[in-house]
Amino acid sequence: MNDVPHIVLISIGTDGDIYPFLSLGEALVKRGFRVTLATHEHFAQNTRDLGLGFLSIVSNSETAELLQNPDFWHPLKGPLFIAR
């Protein structure tokens, strides 16, 4: 059994939401932790480049579908649309 603590970071959103988690994960890896980031599929390479594990929780096709829907961009409808 591996004695290194495993930390799982979970985030969804745009670059501005994910990049802080990438930085946090990188810092934790440098301190000896095993880190997995669970997020959008299109961040997989960025995550692995920093030495973090990766788990896709939103596929590229799901992301594209969200971004193409006008309700996603609506200030009132957007949060409800994303929650669904």
PDB file of N, CA and C in Angstrom:
ATOM      1  N   MET A   1       0.839  -1.186   0.000  1.00  0.00           N
ATOM      2  CA  MET A   1       0.000   0.000   0.000  1.00  0.00           C
ATOM      3  C   MET A   1       0.880   1.244   0.000  1.00  0.00           C
ATOM      4  N   ASN A   2       0.460   2.253  -0.753  1.00  0.00           N
ATOM      5  CA  ASN A   2       1.206   3.495  -0.888  1.00  0.00           C
ATOM      6  C   ASN A   2       0.948   4.393   0.325  1.00  0.00           C
ATOM      7  N   ASP A   3       2.030   4.838   0.986  1.00  0.00           N
ATOM      8  CA  ASP A   3       1.890   5.694   2.161  1.00  0.00           C
ATOM      9  C   ASP A   3       1.783   7.175   1.827  1.00  0.00           C
ATOM     10  N   VAL A   4       1.916   7.530   0.555  1.00  0.00           N
ATOM     11  CA  VAL A   4       1.827   8.933   0.150  1.00  0.00           C
ATOM     12  C   VAL A   4       0.355   9.347   0.134  1.00  0.00           C
ATOM     13  N   PRO A   5      -0.002  10.417   0.846  1.00  0.00           N
ATOM     14  CA  PRO A   5      -1.392  10.873   0.827  1.00  0.00           C
ATOM     15  C   PRO A   5      -1.832  11.243  -0.584  1.00  0.00           C
ATOM     16  N   HIS A   6      -3.054  10.865  -0.918  1.00  0.00           N
ATOM     17  CA  HIS A   6      -3.619  11.148  -2.243  1.00  0.00           C
ATOM     18  C   HIS A   6      -4.700  12.208  -2.081  1.00  0.00           C
ATOM     19  N   ILE A   7      -4.510  13.309  -2.775  1.00  0.00           N
ATOM     20  CA  ILE A   7      -5.466  14.411  -2.732  1.00  0.00           C
ATOM     21  C   ILE A   7      -6.165  14.481  -4.078  1.00  0.00           C
ATOM     22  N   VAL A   8      -7.490  14.561  -4.049  1.00  0.00           N
ATOM     23  CA  VAL A   8      -8.272  14.707  -5.271  1.00  0.00           C
ATOM     24  C   VAL A   8      -8.883  16.098  -5.272  1.00  0.00           C
ATOM     25  N   LEU A   9      -8.530  16.872  -6.297  1.00  0.00           N
ATOM     26  CA  LEU A   9      -9.088  18.210  -6.482  1.00  0.00           C
ATOM     27  C   LEU A   9     -10.158  18.121  -7.560  1.00  0.00           C
ATOM     28  N   ILE A  10     -11.302  18.740  -7.330  1.00  0.00           N
ATOM     29  CA  ILE A  10     -12.408  18.668  -8.278  1.00  0.00           C
ATOM     30  C   ILE A  10     -12.851  20.085  -8.616  1.00  0.00           C
ATOM     31  N   SER A  11     -12.921  20.376  -9.918  1.00  0.00           N
ATOM     32  CA  SER A  11     -13.375  21.694 -10.339  1.00  0.00           C
ATOM     33  C   SER A  11     -13.930  21.620 -11.747  1.00  0.00           C
ATOM     34  N   ILE A  12     -14.942  22.414 -11.997  1.00  0.00           N
ATOM     35  CA  ILE A  12     -15.439  22.596 -13.354  1.00  0.00           C
ATOM     36  C   ILE A  12     -15.478  24.091 -13.620  1.00  0.00           C
ATOM     37  N   GLY A  13     -15.450  24.450 -14.876  1.00  0.00           N
ATOM     38  CA  GLY A  13     -15.503  25.855 -15.233  1.00  0.00           C
ATOM     39  C   GLY A  13     -14.575  26.163 -16.378  1.00  0.00           C
ATOM     40  N   THR A  14     -14.267  27.427 -16.513  1.00  0.00           N
ATOM     41  CA  THR A  14     -13.389  27.886 -17.578  1.00  0.00           C
ATOM     42  C   THR A  14     -11.949  27.933 -17.071  1.00  0.00           C
ATOM     43  N   ASP A  15     -11.052  28.400 -17.927  1.00  0.00           N
ATOM     44  CA  ASP A  15      -9.631  28.462 -17.562  1.00  0.00           C
ATOM     45  C   ASP A  15      -9.412  29.142 -16.209  1.00  0.00           C
ATOM     46  N   GLY A  16     -10.102  30.248 -15.985  1.00  0.00           N
ATOM     47  CA  GLY A  16      -9.931  30.993 -14.739  1.00  0.00           C
ATOM     48  C   GLY A  16     -10.351  30.221 -13.503  1.00  0.00           C
ATOM     49  N   ASP A  17     -11.205  29.223 -13.699  1.00  0.00           N
ATOM     50  CA  ASP A  17     -11.618  28.377 -12.585  1.00  0.00           C
ATOM     51  C   ASP A  17     -10.652  27.218 -12.370  1.00  0.00           C
ATOM     52  N   ILE A  18     -10.051  26.744 -13.442  1.00  0.00           N
ATOM     53  CA  ILE A  18      -9.226  25.531 -13.385  1.00  0.00           C
ATOM     54  C   ILE A  18      -7.763  25.830 -13.077  1.00  0.00           C
ATOM     55  N   TYR A  19      -7.211  26.898 -13.639  1.00  0.00           N
ATOM     56  CA  TYR A  19      -5.784  27.164 -13.453  1.00  0.00           C
ATOM     57  C   TYR A  19      -5.357  27.299 -11.986  1.00  0.00           C
ATOM     58  N   PRO A  20      -6.164  27.889 -11.100  1.00  0.00           N
ATOM     59  CA  PRO A  20      -5.757  27.887  -9.685  1.00  0.00           C
ATOM     60  C   PRO A  20      -5.619  26.469  -9.109  1.00  0.00           C
ATOM     61  N   PHE A  21      -6.475  25.548  -9.560  1.00  0.00           N
ATOM     62  CA  PHE A  21      -6.375  24.171  -9.097  1.00  0.00           C
ATOM     63  C   PHE A  21      -5.126  23.487  -9.656  1.00  0.00           C
ATOM     64  N   LEU A  22      -4.758  23.847 -10.890  1.00  0.00           N
ATOM     65  CA  LEU A  22      -3.513  23.320 -11.453  1.00  0.00           C
ATOM     66  C   LEU A  22      -2.314  23.790 -10.627  1.00  0.00           C
ATOM     67  N   SER A  23      -2.310  25.061 -10.265  1.00  0.00           N
ATOM     68  CA  SER A  23      -1.211  25.600  -9.450  1.00  0.00           C
ATOM     69  C   SER A  23      -1.172  24.958  -8.069  1.00  0.00           C
ATOM     70  N   LEU A  24      -2.340  24.804  -7.464  1.00  0.00           N
ATOM     71  CA  LEU A  24      -2.413  24.156  -6.160  1.00  0.00           C
ATOM     72  C   LEU A  24      -1.925  22.713  -6.251  1.00  0.00           C
ATOM     73  N   GLY A  25      -2.376  22.007  -7.275  1.00  0.00           N
ATOM     74  CA  GLY A  25      -1.952  20.619  -7.454  1.00  0.00           C
ATOM     75  C   GLY A  25      -0.454  20.504  -7.651  1.00  0.00           C
ATOM     76  N   GLU A  26       0.102  21.390  -8.465  1.00  0.00           N
ATOM     77  CA  GLU A  26       1.551  21.383  -8.709  1.00  0.00           C
ATOM     78  C   GLU A  26       2.316  21.612  -7.405  1.00  0.00           C
ATOM     79  N   ALA A  27       1.856  22.556  -6.602  1.00  0.00           N
ATOM     80  CA  ALA A  27       2.517  22.838  -5.321  1.00  0.00           C
ATOM     81  C   ALA A  27       2.439  21.630  -4.383  1.00  0.00           C
ATOM     82  N   LEU A  28       1.293  20.956  -4.383  1.00  0.00           N
ATOM     83  CA  LEU A  28       1.140  19.775  -3.531  1.00  0.00           C
ATOM     84  C   LEU A  28       2.041  18.625  -3.983  1.00  0.00           C
ATOM     85  N   VAL A  29       2.165  18.439  -5.295  1.00  0.00           N
ATOM     86  CA  VAL A  29       3.061  17.401  -5.827  1.00  0.00           C
ATOM     87  C   VAL A  29       4.497  17.690  -5.408  1.00  0.00           C
ATOM     88  N   LYS A  30       4.899  18.950  -5.485  1.00  0.00           N
ATOM     89  CA  LYS A  30       6.257  19.326  -5.090  1.00  0.00           C
ATOM     90  C   LYS A  30       6.510  19.071  -3.602  1.00  0.00           C
ATOM     91  N   ARG A  31       5.440  19.011  -2.824  1.00  0.00           N
ATOM     92  CA  ARG A  31       5.562  18.740  -1.386  1.00  0.00           C
ATOM     93  C   ARG A  31       5.401  17.249  -1.066  1.00  0.00           C
ATOM     94  N   GLY A  32       5.309  16.439  -2.125  1.00  0.00           N
ATOM     95  CA  GLY A  32       5.310  15.000  -1.921  1.00  0.00           C
ATOM     96  C   GLY A  32       3.965  14.304  -1.922  1.00  0.00           C
ATOM     97  N   PHE A  33       2.909  15.026  -2.206  1.00  0.00           N
ATOM     98  CA  PHE A  33       1.586  14.417  -2.255  1.00  0.00           C
ATOM     99  C   PHE A  33       1.309  13.830  -3.640  1.00  0.00           C
ATOM    100  N   ARG A  34       0.454  12.859  -3.677  1.00  0.00           N
ATOM    101  CA  ARG A  34      -0.082  12.344  -4.935  1.00  0.00           C
ATOM    102  C   ARG A  34      -1.379  13.103  -5.186  1.00  0.00           C
ATOM    103  N   VAL A  35      -1.504  13.726  -6.361  1.00  0.00           N
ATOM    104  CA  VAL A  35      -2.647  14.596  -6.635  1.00  0.00           C
ATOM    105  C   VAL A  35      -3.328  14.180  -7.931  1.00  0.00           C
ATOM    106  N   THR A  36      -4.645  14.133  -7.901  1.00  0.00           N
ATOM    107  CA  THR A  36      -5.456  13.909  -9.094  1.00  0.00           C
ATOM    108  C   THR A  36      -6.407  15.084  -9.226  1.00  0.00           C
ATOM    109  N   LEU A  37      -6.478  15.647 -10.433  1.00  0.00           N
ATOM    110  CA  LEU A  37      -7.434  16.710 -10.725  1.00  0.00           C
ATOM    111  C   LEU A  37      -8.557  16.127 -11.563  1.00  0.00           C
ATOM    112  N   ALA A  38      -9.780  16.266 -11.081  1.00  0.00           N
ATOM    113  CA  ALA A  38     -10.969  15.826 -11.812  1.00  0.00           C
ATOM    114  C   ALA A  38     -11.629  17.073 -12.393  1.00  0.00           C
ATOM    115  N   THR A  39     -11.685  17.128 -13.724  1.00  0.00           N
ATOM    116  CA  THR A  39     -12.203  18.324 -14.385  1.00  0.00           C
ATOM    117  C   THR A  39     -12.554  18.010 -15.837  1.00  0.00           C
ATOM    118  N   HIS A  40     -12.653  19.043 -16.645  1.00  0.00           N
ATOM    119  CA  HIS A  40     -12.975  18.922 -18.069  1.00  0.00           C
ATOM    120  C   HIS A  40     -11.875  18.174 -18.819  1.00  0.00           C
ATOM    121  N   GLU A  41     -12.289  17.360 -19.746  1.00  0.00           N
ATOM    122  CA  GLU A  41     -11.370  16.549 -20.547  1.00  0.00           C
ATOM    123  C   GLU A  41     -10.288  17.387 -21.241  1.00  0.00           C
ATOM    124  N   HIS A  42     -10.641  18.590 -21.688  1.00  0.00           N
ATOM    125  CA  HIS A  42      -9.657  19.363 -22.441  1.00  0.00           C
ATOM    126  C   HIS A  42      -8.515  19.925 -21.586  1.00  0.00           C
ATOM    127  N   PHE A  43      -8.558  19.720 -20.279  1.00  0.00           N
ATOM    128  CA  PHE A  43      -7.443  20.100 -19.409  1.00  0.00           C
ATOM    129  C   PHE A  43      -6.516  18.927 -19.099  1.00  0.00           C
ATOM    130  N   ALA A  44      -6.743  17.789 -19.723  1.00  0.00           N
ATOM    131  CA  ALA A  44      -5.970  16.578 -19.415  1.00  0.00           C
ATOM    132  C   ALA A  44      -4.469  16.787 -19.618  1.00  0.00           C
ATOM    133  N   GLN A  45      -4.074  17.324 -20.747  1.00  0.00           N
ATOM    134  CA  GLN A  45      -2.643  17.471 -21.029  1.00  0.00           C
ATOM    135  C   GLN A  45      -1.975  18.459 -20.082  1.00  0.00           C
ATOM    136  N   ASN A  46      -2.648  19.593 -19.816  1.00  0.00           N
ATOM    137  CA  ASN A  46      -2.099  20.574 -18.862  1.00  0.00           C
ATOM    138  C   ASN A  46      -1.860  19.920 -17.503  1.00  0.00           C
ATOM    139  N   THR A  47      -2.817  19.104 -17.089  1.00  0.00           N
ATOM    140  CA  THR A  47      -2.743  18.435 -15.791  1.00  0.00           C
ATOM    141  C   THR A  47      -1.577  17.463 -15.746  1.00  0.00           C
ATOM    142  N   ARG A  48      -1.483  16.619 -16.739  1.00  0.00           N
ATOM    143  CA  ARG A  48      -0.409  15.616 -16.778  1.00  0.00           C
ATOM    144  C   ARG A  48       0.964  16.261 -16.916  1.00  0.00           C
ATOM    145  N   ASP A  49       1.043  17.381 -17.658  1.00  0.00           N
ATOM    146  CA  ASP A  49       2.323  18.081 -17.818  1.00  0.00           C
ATOM    147  C   ASP A  49       2.890  18.543 -16.473  1.00  0.00           C
ATOM    148  N   LEU A  50       2.010  18.776 -15.509  1.00  0.00           N
ATOM    149  CA  LEU A  50       2.438  19.232 -14.178  1.00  0.00           C
ATOM    150  C   LEU A  50       2.689  18.078 -13.216  1.00  0.00           C
ATOM    151  N   GLY A  51       2.525  16.844 -13.694  1.00  0.00           N
ATOM    152  CA  GLY A  51       2.781  15.686 -12.853  1.00  0.00           C
ATOM    153  C   GLY A  51       1.591  15.259 -12.008  1.00  0.00           C
ATOM    154  N   LEU A  52       0.408  15.738 -12.338  1.00  0.00           N
ATOM    155  CA  LEU A  52      -0.795  15.376 -11.612  1.00  0.00           C
ATOM    156  C   LEU A  52      -1.512  14.248 -12.334  1.00  0.00           C
ATOM    157  N   GLY A  53      -2.266  13.448 -11.577  1.00  0.00           N
ATOM    158  CA  GLY A  53      -3.162  12.490 -12.195  1.00  0.00           C
ATOM    159  C   GLY A  53      -4.366  13.242 -12.743  1.00  0.00           C
ATOM    160  N   PHE A  54      -5.088  12.616 -13.636  1.00  0.00           N
ATOM    161  CA  PHE A  54      -6.230  13.280 -14.258  1.00  0.00           C
ATOM    162  C   PHE A  54      -7.423  12.347 -14.321  1.00  0.00           C
ATOM    163  N   LEU A  55      -8.612  12.914 -14.062  1.00  0.00           N
ATOM    164  CA  LEU A  55      -9.872  12.196 -14.213  1.00  0.00           C
ATOM    165  C   LEU A  55     -10.851  13.124 -14.913  1.00  0.00           C
ATOM    166  N   SER A  56     -11.374  12.688 -16.045  1.00  0.00           N
ATOM    167  CA  SER A  56     -12.334  13.493 -16.794  1.00  0.00           C
ATOM    168  C   SER A  56     -13.717  13.351 -16.178  1.00  0.00           C
ATOM    169  N   ILE A  57     -14.332  14.484 -15.837  1.00  0.00           N
ATOM    170  CA  ILE A  57     -15.709  14.464 -15.347  1.00  0.00           C
ATOM    171  C   ILE A  57     -16.646  15.198 -16.295  1.00  0.00           C
ATOM    172  N   VAL A  58     -16.074  15.900 -17.288  1.00  0.00           N
ATOM    173  CA  VAL A  58     -16.859  16.560 -18.326  1.00  0.00           C
ATOM    174  C   VAL A  58     -16.126  16.332 -19.648  1.00  0.00           C
ATOM    175  N   SER A  59     -16.787  15.665 -20.587  1.00  0.00           N
ATOM    176  CA  SER A  59     -16.148  15.355 -21.868  1.00  0.00           C
ATOM    177  C   SER A  59     -16.051  16.601 -22.749  1.00  0.00           C
ATOM    178  N   ASN A  60     -15.217  16.510 -23.772  1.00  0.00           N
ATOM    179  CA  ASN A  60     -15.111  17.621 -24.730  1.00  0.00           C
ATOM    180  C   ASN A  60     -16.441  17.888 -25.418  1.00  0.00           C
ATOM    181  N   SER A  61     -17.179  16.830 -25.739  1.00  0.00           N
ATOM    182  CA  SER A  61     -18.474  17.030 -26.403  1.00  0.00           C
ATOM    183  C   SER A  61     -19.486  17.683 -25.452  1.00  0.00           C
ATOM    184  N   GLU A  62     -19.451  17.328 -24.178  1.00  0.00           N
ATOM    185  CA  GLU A  62     -20.345  17.975 -23.201  1.00  0.00           C
ATOM    186  C   GLU A  62     -19.995  19.455 -23.038  1.00  0.00           C
ATOM    187  N   THR A  63     -18.701  19.763 -23.013  1.00  0.00           N
ATOM    188  CA  THR A  63     -18.270  21.157 -22.909  1.00  0.00           C
ATOM    189  C   THR A  63     -18.742  21.944 -24.124  1.00  0.00           C
ATOM    190  N   ALA A  64     -18.549  21.387 -25.309  1.00  0.00           N
ATOM    191  CA  ALA A  64     -18.982  22.071 -26.537  1.00  0.00           C
ATOM    192  C   ALA A  64     -20.487  22.298 -26.526  1.00  0.00           C
ATOM    193  N   GLU A  65     -21.241  21.304 -26.087  1.00  0.00           N
ATOM    194  CA  GLU A  65     -22.701  21.426 -26.026  1.00  0.00           C
ATOM    195  C   GLU A  65     -23.112  22.560 -25.078  1.00  0.00           C
ATOM    196  N   LEU A  66     -22.454  22.640 -23.937  1.00  0.00           N
ATOM    197  CA  LEU A  66     -22.745  23.724 -22.988  1.00  0.00           C
ATOM    198  C   LEU A  66     -22.460  25.089 -23.595  1.00  0.00           C
ATOM    199  N   LEU A  67     -21.280  25.237 -24.181  1.00  0.00           N
ATOM    200  CA  LEU A  67     -20.857  26.535 -24.695  1.00  0.00           C
ATOM    201  C   LEU A  67     -21.681  27.007 -25.889  1.00  0.00           C
ATOM    202  N   GLN A  68     -22.280  26.084 -26.611  1.00  0.00           N
ATOM    203  CA  GLN A  68     -23.073  26.444 -27.787  1.00  0.00           C
ATOM    204  C   GLN A  68     -24.524  26.781 -27.450  1.00  0.00           C
ATOM    205  N   ASN A  69     -24.935  26.511 -26.233  1.00  0.00           N
ATOM    206  CA  ASN A  69     -26.317  26.781 -25.849  1.00  0.00           C
ATOM    207  C   ASN A  69     -26.439  28.214 -25.334  1.00  0.00           C
ATOM    208  N   PRO A  70     -27.350  29.019 -25.900  1.00  0.00           N
ATOM    209  CA  PRO A  70     -27.479  30.412 -25.454  1.00  0.00           C
ATOM    210  C   PRO A  70     -27.856  30.559 -23.977  1.00  0.00           C
ATOM    211  N   ASP A  71     -28.558  29.561 -23.412  1.00  0.00           N
ATOM    212  CA  ASP A  71     -28.912  29.642 -21.995  1.00  0.00           C
ATOM    213  C   ASP A  71     -27.679  29.617 -21.093  1.00  0.00           C
ATOM    214  N   PHE A  72     -26.610  28.992 -21.549  1.00  0.00           N
ATOM    215  CA  PHE A  72     -25.371  28.948 -20.774  1.00  0.00           C
ATOM    216  C   PHE A  72     -24.849  30.358 -20.499  1.00  0.00           C
ATOM    217  N   TRP A  73     -25.002  31.249 -21.462  1.00  0.00           N
ATOM    218  CA  TRP A  73     -24.463  32.607 -21.374  1.00  0.00           C
ATOM    219  C   TRP A  73     -25.425  33.599 -20.714  1.00  0.00           C
ATOM    220  N   HIS A  74     -26.654  33.191 -20.473  1.00  0.00           N
ATOM    221  CA  HIS A  74     -27.661  34.073 -19.883  1.00  0.00           C
ATOM    222  C   HIS A  74     -27.384  34.230 -18.380  1.00  0.00           C
ATOM    223  N   PRO A  75     -27.404  35.490 -17.865  1.00  0.00           N
ATOM    224  CA  PRO A  75     -27.043  35.700 -16.462  1.00  0.00           C
ATOM    225  C   PRO A  75     -27.979  35.020 -15.459  1.00  0.00           C
ATOM    226  N   LEU A  76     -29.248  34.827 -15.820  1.00  0.00           N
ATOM    227  CA  LEU A  76     -30.184  34.182 -14.898  1.00  0.00           C
ATOM    228  C   LEU A  76     -30.404  32.705 -15.220  1.00  0.00           C
ATOM    229  N   LYS A  77     -30.483  32.384 -16.487  1.00  0.00           N
ATOM    230  CA  LYS A  77     -30.715  30.999 -16.887  1.00  0.00           C
ATOM    231  C   LYS A  77     -29.452  30.141 -16.788  1.00  0.00           C
ATOM    232  N   GLY A  78     -28.304  30.756 -16.939  1.00  0.00           N
ATOM    233  CA  GLY A  78     -27.029  30.039 -16.974  1.00  0.00           C
ATOM    234  C   GLY A  78     -26.787  29.113 -15.800  1.00  0.00           C
ATOM    235  N   PRO A  79     -26.874  29.606 -14.558  1.00  0.00           N
ATOM    236  CA  PRO A  79     -26.603  28.718 -13.414  1.00  0.00           C
ATOM    237  C   PRO A  79     -27.546  27.509 -13.346  1.00  0.00           C
ATOM    238  N   LEU A  80     -28.814  27.723 -13.680  1.00  0.00           N
ATOM    239  CA  LEU A  80     -29.766  26.609 -13.665  1.00  0.00           C
ATOM    240  C   LEU A  80     -29.445  25.613 -14.782  1.00  0.00           C
ATOM    241  N   PHE A  81     -29.086  26.148 -15.934  1.00  0.00           N
ATOM    242  CA  PHE A  81     -28.737  25.286 -17.065  1.00  0.00           C
ATOM    243  C   PHE A  81     -27.516  24.427 -16.723  1.00  0.00           C
ATOM    244  N   ILE A  82     -26.519  25.025 -16.131  1.00  0.00           N
ATOM    245  CA  ILE A  82     -25.294  24.305 -15.767  1.00  0.00           C
ATOM    246  C   ILE A  82     -25.590  23.256 -14.695  1.00  0.00           C
ATOM    247  N   ALA A  83     -26.424  23.608 -13.733  1.00  0.00           N
ATOM    248  CA  ALA A  83     -26.761  22.674 -12.653  1.00  0.00           C
ATOM    249  C   ALA A  83     -27.447  21.408 -13.186  1.00  0.00           C
ATOM    250  N   ARG A  84     -28.262  21.595 -14.235  1.00  0.00           N
ATOM    251  CA  ARG A  84     -28.938  20.432 -14.825  1.00  0.00           C
ATOM    252  C   ARG A  84     -27.946  19.563 -15.540  1.00  0.00           C
TER     253      ARG A  84
END
